[in-house]
Amino acid sequence: MMLIVHWLSEIGAILWALTGVVIVLAKLISAITHCECKLVTMLDLAFKVKKAWKKLKDDKRKNRQ
């Protein structure tokens, strides 16, 4: 009987540790996803700025001609 209780407590400790690992991994994945979203937004904005700058230069070139 004591052996079964000991095994159950060991299994409980292992499951508790695994739960902690899963929580940490979930937070890490969430942080990476958040950074990825920010990076995509920044790249999209940079592309729009580049496109607007090119349009401005092209318009300036057309006005000179």
PDB file of N, CA and C in Angstrom:
ATOM      1  N   MET A   1       0.823  -1.203   0.000  1.00  0.00           N
ATOM      2  CA  MET A   1       0.000   0.000   0.000  1.00  0.00           C
ATOM      3  C   MET A   1       0.861   1.260   0.000  1.00  0.00           C
ATOM      4  N   MET A   2       1.889   1.251   0.843  1.00  0.00           N
ATOM      5  CA  MET A   2       2.781   2.415   0.914  1.00  0.00           C
ATOM      6  C   MET A   2       3.532   2.610  -0.400  1.00  0.00           C
ATOM      7  N   LEU A   3       3.839   1.498  -1.064  1.00  0.00           N
ATOM      8  CA  LEU A   3       4.547   1.572  -2.339  1.00  0.00           C
ATOM      9  C   LEU A   3       3.680   2.259  -3.395  1.00  0.00           C
ATOM     10  N   ILE A   4       2.389   1.948  -3.413  1.00  0.00           N
ATOM     11  CA  ILE A   4       1.471   2.572  -4.370  1.00  0.00           C
ATOM     12  C   ILE A   4       1.360   4.064  -4.093  1.00  0.00           C
ATOM     13  N   VAL A   5       1.274   4.446  -2.835  1.00  0.00           N
ATOM     14  CA  VAL A   5       1.192   5.865  -2.470  1.00  0.00           C
ATOM     15  C   VAL A   5       2.474   6.578  -2.878  1.00  0.00           C
ATOM     16  N   HIS A   6       3.595   5.927  -2.681  1.00  0.00           N
ATOM     17  CA  HIS A   6       4.882   6.522  -3.073  1.00  0.00           C
ATOM     18  C   HIS A   6       4.936   6.716  -4.590  1.00  0.00           C
ATOM     19  N   TRP A   7       4.523   5.716  -5.353  1.00  0.00           N
ATOM     20  CA  TRP A   7       4.519   5.824  -6.807  1.00  0.00           C
ATOM     21  C   TRP A   7       3.589   6.937  -7.278  1.00  0.00           C
ATOM     22  N   LEU A   8       2.425   7.016  -6.659  1.00  0.00           N
ATOM     23  CA  LEU A   8       1.479   8.064  -7.044  1.00  0.00           C
ATOM     24  C   LEU A   8       2.035   9.451  -6.754  1.00  0.00           C
ATOM     25  N   SER A   9       2.721   9.580  -5.630  1.00  0.00           N
ATOM     26  CA  SER A   9       3.308  10.896  -5.327  1.00  0.00           C
ATOM     27  C   SER A   9       4.424  11.231  -6.318  1.00  0.00           C
ATOM     28  N   GLU A  10       5.196  10.219  -6.718  1.00  0.00           N
ATOM     29  CA  GLU A  10       6.246  10.445  -7.723  1.00  0.00           C
ATOM     30  C   GLU A  10       5.641  10.842  -9.065  1.00  0.00           C
ATOM     31  N   ILE A  11       4.588  10.137  -9.456  1.00  0.00           N
ATOM     32  CA  ILE A  11       3.910  10.468 -10.716  1.00  0.00           C
ATOM     33  C   ILE A  11       3.328  11.880 -10.646  1.00  0.00           C
ATOM     34  N   GLY A  12       2.755  12.241  -9.502  1.00  0.00           N
ATOM     35  CA  GLY A  12       2.221  13.595  -9.318  1.00  0.00           C
ATOM     36  C   GLY A  12       3.312  14.643  -9.441  1.00  0.00           C
ATOM     37  N   ALA A  13       4.480  14.377  -8.862  1.00  0.00           N
ATOM     38  CA  ALA A  13       5.589  15.333  -8.949  1.00  0.00           C
ATOM     39  C   ALA A  13       6.064  15.490 -10.389  1.00  0.00           C
ATOM     40  N   ILE A  14       6.129  14.375 -11.109  1.00  0.00           N
ATOM     41  CA  ILE A  14       6.555  14.430 -12.516  1.00  0.00           C
ATOM     42  C   ILE A  14       5.544  15.219 -13.336  1.00  0.00           C
ATOM     43  N   LEU A  15       4.258  14.955 -13.129  1.00  0.00           N
ATOM     44  CA  LEU A  15       3.225  15.689 -13.871  1.00  0.00           C
ATOM     45  C   LEU A  15       3.256  17.171 -13.536  1.00  0.00           C
ATOM     46  N   TRP A  16       3.509  17.515 -12.272  1.00  0.00           N
ATOM     47  CA  TRP A  16       3.601  18.920 -11.861  1.00  0.00           C
ATOM     48  C   TRP A  16       4.760  19.601 -12.583  1.00  0.00           C
ATOM     49  N   ALA A  17       5.906  18.915 -12.653  1.00  0.00           N
ATOM     50  CA  ALA A  17       7.072  19.477 -13.341  1.00  0.00           C
ATOM     51  C   ALA A  17       6.791  19.643 -14.834  1.00  0.00           C
ATOM     52  N   LEU A  18       6.148  18.654 -15.433  1.00  0.00           N
ATOM     53  CA  LEU A  18       5.816  18.750 -16.859  1.00  0.00           C
ATOM     54  C   LEU A  18       4.840  19.886 -17.131  1.00  0.00           C
ATOM     55  N   THR A  19       3.915  20.110 -16.210  1.00  0.00           N
ATOM     56  CA  THR A  19       2.986  21.230 -16.360  1.00  0.00           C
ATOM     57  C   THR A  19       3.744  22.550 -16.362  1.00  0.00           C
ATOM     58  N   GLY A  20       4.717  22.675 -15.477  1.00  0.00           N
ATOM     59  CA  GLY A  20       5.543  23.886 -15.446  1.00  0.00           C
ATOM     60  C   GLY A  20       6.294  24.090 -16.743  1.00  0.00           C
ATOM     61  N   VAL A  21       6.838  23.018 -17.287  1.00  0.00           N
ATOM     62  CA  VAL A  21       7.576  23.102 -18.554  1.00  0.00           C
ATOM     63  C   VAL A  21       6.640  23.526 -19.683  1.00  0.00           C
ATOM     64  N   VAL A  22       5.452  22.967 -19.701  1.00  0.00           N
ATOM     65  CA  VAL A  22       4.484  23.317 -20.742  1.00  0.00           C
ATOM     66  C   VAL A  22       4.093  24.782 -20.639  1.00  0.00           C
ATOM     67  N   ILE A  23       3.894  25.281 -19.431  1.00  0.00           N
ATOM     68  CA  ILE A  23       3.536  26.694 -19.236  1.00  0.00           C
ATOM     69  C   ILE A  23       4.660  27.602 -19.730  1.00  0.00           C
ATOM     70  N   VAL A  24       5.891  27.254 -19.390  1.00  0.00           N
ATOM     71  CA  VAL A  24       7.038  28.064 -19.834  1.00  0.00           C
ATOM     72  C   VAL A  24       7.147  28.047 -21.357  1.00  0.00           C
ATOM     73  N   LEU A  25       6.975  26.883 -21.971  1.00  0.00           N
ATOM     74  CA  LEU A  25       7.034  26.795 -23.433  1.00  0.00           C
ATOM     75  C   LEU A  25       5.905  27.596 -24.084  1.00  0.00           C
ATOM     76  N   ALA A  26       4.726  27.553 -23.500  1.00  0.00           N
ATOM     77  CA  ALA A  26       3.605  28.316 -24.056  1.00  0.00           C
ATOM     78  C   ALA A  26       3.887  29.813 -23.999  1.00  0.00           C
ATOM     79  N   LYS A  27       4.466  30.274 -22.885  1.00  0.00           N
ATOM     80  CA  LYS A  27       4.802  31.699 -22.777  1.00  0.00           C
ATOM     81  C   LYS A  27       5.893  32.080 -23.770  1.00  0.00           C
ATOM     82  N   LEU A  28       6.852  31.197 -23.959  1.00  0.00           N
ATOM     83  CA  LEU A  28       7.924  31.457 -24.919  1.00  0.00           C
ATOM     84  C   LEU A  28       7.376  31.541 -26.337  1.00  0.00           C
ATOM     85  N   ILE A  29       6.506  30.620 -26.697  1.00  0.00           N
ATOM     86  CA  ILE A  29       5.897  30.644 -28.034  1.00  0.00           C
ATOM     87  C   ILE A  29       5.059  31.902 -28.214  1.00  0.00           C
ATOM     88  N   SER A  30       4.354  32.300 -27.163  1.00  0.00           N
ATOM     89  CA  SER A  30       3.542  33.510 -27.232  1.00  0.00           C
ATOM     90  C   SER A  30       4.423  34.744 -27.456  1.00  0.00           C
ATOM     91  N   ALA A  31       5.552  34.806 -26.748  1.00  0.00           N
ATOM     92  CA  ALA A  31       6.469  35.942 -26.912  1.00  0.00           C
ATOM     93  C   ALA A  31       7.058  35.965 -28.316  1.00  0.00           C
ATOM     94  N   ILE A  32       7.429  34.804 -28.835  1.00  0.00           N
ATOM     95  CA  ILE A  32       7.999  34.738 -30.189  1.00  0.00           C
ATOM     96  C   ILE A  32       6.958  35.172 -31.220  1.00  0.00           C
ATOM     97  N   THR A  33       5.721  34.717 -31.048  1.00  0.00           N
ATOM     98  CA  THR A  33       4.652  35.092 -31.976  1.00  0.00           C
ATOM     99  C   THR A  33       4.401  36.596 -31.938  1.00  0.00           C
ATOM    100  N   HIS A  34       4.426  37.165 -30.731  1.00  0.00           N
ATOM    101  CA  HIS A  34       4.210  38.609 -30.586  1.00  0.00           C
ATOM    102  C   HIS A  34       5.326  39.385 -31.295  1.00  0.00           C
ATOM    103  N   CYS A  35       6.571  38.958 -31.112  1.00  0.00           N
ATOM    104  CA  CYS A  35       7.700  39.625 -31.777  1.00  0.00           C
ATOM    105  C   CYS A  35       7.604  39.471 -33.288  1.00  0.00           C
ATOM    106  N   GLU A  36       7.157  38.286 -33.733  1.00  0.00           N
ATOM    107  CA  GLU A  36       7.017  38.055 -35.169  1.00  0.00           C
ATOM    108  C   GLU A  36       5.963  38.991 -35.761  1.00  0.00           C
ATOM    109  N   CYS A  37       4.867  39.177 -35.040  1.00  0.00           N
ATOM    110  CA  CYS A  37       3.815  40.076 -35.527  1.00  0.00           C
ATOM    111  C   CYS A  37       4.340  41.507 -35.620  1.00  0.00           C
ATOM    112  N   LYS A  38       5.115  41.930 -34.614  1.00  0.00           N
ATOM    113  CA  LYS A  38       5.690  43.273 -34.655  1.00  0.00           C
ATOM    114  C   LYS A  38       6.652  43.408 -35.831  1.00  0.00           C
ATOM    115  N   LEU A  39       7.454  42.367 -36.068  1.00  0.00           N
ATOM    116  CA  LEU A  39       8.412  42.402 -37.173  1.00  0.00           C
ATOM    117  C   LEU A  39       7.694  42.489 -38.513  1.00  0.00           C
ATOM    118  N   VAL A  40       6.632  41.719 -38.673  1.00  0.00           N
ATOM    119  CA  VAL A  40       5.865  41.764 -39.922  1.00  0.00           C
ATOM    120  C   VAL A  40       5.268  43.148 -40.128  1.00  0.00           C
ATOM    121  N   THR A  41       4.760  43.748 -39.063  1.00  0.00           N
ATOM    122  CA  THR A  41       4.195  45.094 -39.163  1.00  0.00           C
ATOM    123  C   THR A  41       5.270  46.105 -39.561  1.00  0.00           C
ATOM    124  N   MET A  42       6.456  45.997 -38.933  1.00  0.00           N
ATOM    125  CA  MET A  42       7.545  46.926 -39.266  1.00  0.00           C
ATOM    126  C   MET A  42       7.999  46.753 -40.710  1.00  0.00           C
ATOM    127  N   LEU A  43       8.095  45.494 -41.181  1.00  0.00           N
ATOM    128  CA  LEU A  43       8.506  45.261 -42.560  1.00  0.00           C
ATOM    129  C   LEU A  43       7.465  45.775 -43.542  1.00  0.00           C
ATOM    130  N   ASP A  44       6.199  45.614 -43.207  1.00  0.00           N
ATOM    131  CA  ASP A  44       5.126  46.120 -44.061  1.00  0.00           C
ATOM    132  C   ASP A  44       5.201  47.641 -44.149  1.00  0.00           C
ATOM    133  N   LEU A  45       5.424  48.286 -43.011  1.00  0.00           N
ATOM    134  CA  LEU A  45       5.546  49.746 -42.993  1.00  0.00           C
ATOM    135  C   LEU A  45       6.766  50.198 -43.794  1.00  0.00           C
ATOM    136  N   ALA A  46       7.885  49.480 -43.635  1.00  0.00           N
ATOM    137  CA  ALA A  46       9.092  49.836 -44.383  1.00  0.00           C
ATOM    138  C   ALA A  46       8.851  49.689 -45.885  1.00  0.00           C
ATOM    139  N   PHE A  47       8.128  48.656 -46.289  1.00  0.00           N
ATOM    140  CA  PHE A  47       7.821  48.465 -47.708  1.00  0.00           C
ATOM    141  C   PHE A  47       6.953  49.604 -48.224  1.00  0.00           C
ATOM    142  N   LYS A  48       5.978  50.025 -47.421  1.00  0.00           N
ATOM    143  CA  LYS A  48       5.108  51.131 -47.836  1.00  0.00           C
ATOM    144  C   LYS A  48       5.905  52.431 -47.952  1.00  0.00           C
ATOM    145  N   VAL A  49       6.819  52.660 -47.015  1.00  0.00           N
ATOM    146  CA  VAL A  49       7.654  53.860 -47.083  1.00  0.00           C
ATOM    147  C   VAL A  49       8.539  53.827 -48.318  1.00  0.00           C
ATOM    148  N   LYS A  50       9.128  52.653 -48.595  1.00  0.00           N
ATOM    149  CA  LYS A  50       9.983  52.521 -49.774  1.00  0.00           C
ATOM    150  C   LYS A  50       9.178  52.786 -51.052  1.00  0.00           C
ATOM    151  N   LYS A  51       7.965  52.243 -51.093  1.00  0.00           N
ATOM    152  CA  LYS A  51       7.117  52.432 -52.259  1.00  0.00           C
ATOM    153  C   LYS A  51       6.744  53.907 -52.431  1.00  0.00           C
ATOM    154  N   ALA A  52       6.417  54.570 -51.321  1.00  0.00           N
ATOM    155  CA  ALA A  52       6.056  55.990 -51.384  1.00  0.00           C
ATOM    156  C   ALA A  52       7.270  56.822 -51.795  1.00  0.00           C
ATOM    157  N   TRP A  53       8.447  56.489 -51.291  1.00  0.00           N
ATOM    158  CA  TRP A  53       9.671  57.222 -51.636  1.00  0.00           C
ATOM    159  C   TRP A  53       9.967  57.067 -53.133  1.00  0.00           C
ATOM    160  N   LYS A  54       9.800  55.846 -53.654  1.00  0.00           N
ATOM    161  CA  LYS A  54      10.040  55.619 -55.077  1.00  0.00           C
ATOM    162  C   LYS A  54       9.041  56.408 -55.917  1.00  0.00           C
ATOM    163  N   LYS A  55       7.798  56.443 -55.495  1.00  0.00           N
ATOM    164  CA  LYS A  55       6.772  57.200 -56.219  1.00  0.00           C
ATOM    165  C   LYS A  55       7.119  58.688 -56.208  1.00  0.00           C
ATOM    166  N   LEU A  56       7.574  59.190 -55.069  1.00  0.00           N
ATOM    167  CA  LEU A  56       7.952  60.598 -54.957  1.00  0.00           C
ATOM    168  C   LEU A  56       9.120  60.919 -55.893  1.00  0.00           C
ATOM    169  N   LYS A  57      10.118  60.036 -55.928  1.00  0.00           N
ATOM    170  CA  LYS A  57      11.250  60.258 -56.825  1.00  0.00           C
ATOM    171  C   LYS A  57      10.819  60.214 -58.286  1.00  0.00           C
ATOM    172  N   ASP A  58       9.931  59.274 -58.625  1.00  0.00           N
ATOM    173  CA  ASP A  58       9.453  59.170 -60.006  1.00  0.00           C
ATOM    174  C   ASP A  58       8.654  60.422 -60.399  1.00  0.00           C
ATOM    175  N   ASP A  59       7.822  60.910 -59.482  1.00  0.00           N
ATOM    176  CA  ASP A  59       7.041  62.129 -59.745  1.00  0.00           C
ATOM    177  C   ASP A  59       7.972  63.319 -59.941  1.00  0.00           C
ATOM    178  N   LYS A  60       9.032  63.391 -59.141  1.00  0.00           N
ATOM    179  CA  LYS A  60       9.986  64.496 -59.268  1.00  0.00           C
ATOM    180  C   LYS A  60      10.676  64.422 -60.631  1.00  0.00           C
ATOM    181  N   ARG A  61      11.032  63.204 -61.048  1.00  0.00           N
ATOM    182  CA  ARG A  61      11.693  63.020 -62.339  1.00  0.00           C
ATOM    183  C   ARG A  61      10.748  63.415 -63.480  1.00  0.00           C
ATOM    184  N   LYS A  62       9.479  63.089 -63.381  1.00  0.00           N
ATOM    185  CA  LYS A  62       8.508  63.454 -64.412  1.00  0.00           C
ATOM    186  C   LYS A  62       8.335  64.966 -64.477  1.00  0.00           C
ATOM    187  N   ASN A  63       8.360  65.644 -63.341  1.00  0.00           N
ATOM    188  CA  ASN A  63       8.196  67.083 -63.324  1.00  0.00           C
ATOM    189  C   ASN A  63       9.380  67.794 -63.961  1.00  0.00           C
ATOM    190  N   ARG A  64      10.571  67.215 -63.865  1.00  0.00           N
ATOM    191  CA  ARG A  64      11.755  67.830 -64.461  1.00  0.00           C
ATOM    192  C   ARG A  64      11.712  67.739 -65.981  1.00  0.00           C
ATOM    193  N   GLN A  65      11.102  66.701 -66.494  1.00  0.00           N
ATOM    194  CA  GLN A  65      11.122  66.491 -67.947  1.00  0.00           C
ATOM    195  C   GLN A  65      10.138  67.342 -68.678  1.00  0.00           C
TER     196      GLN A  65
END
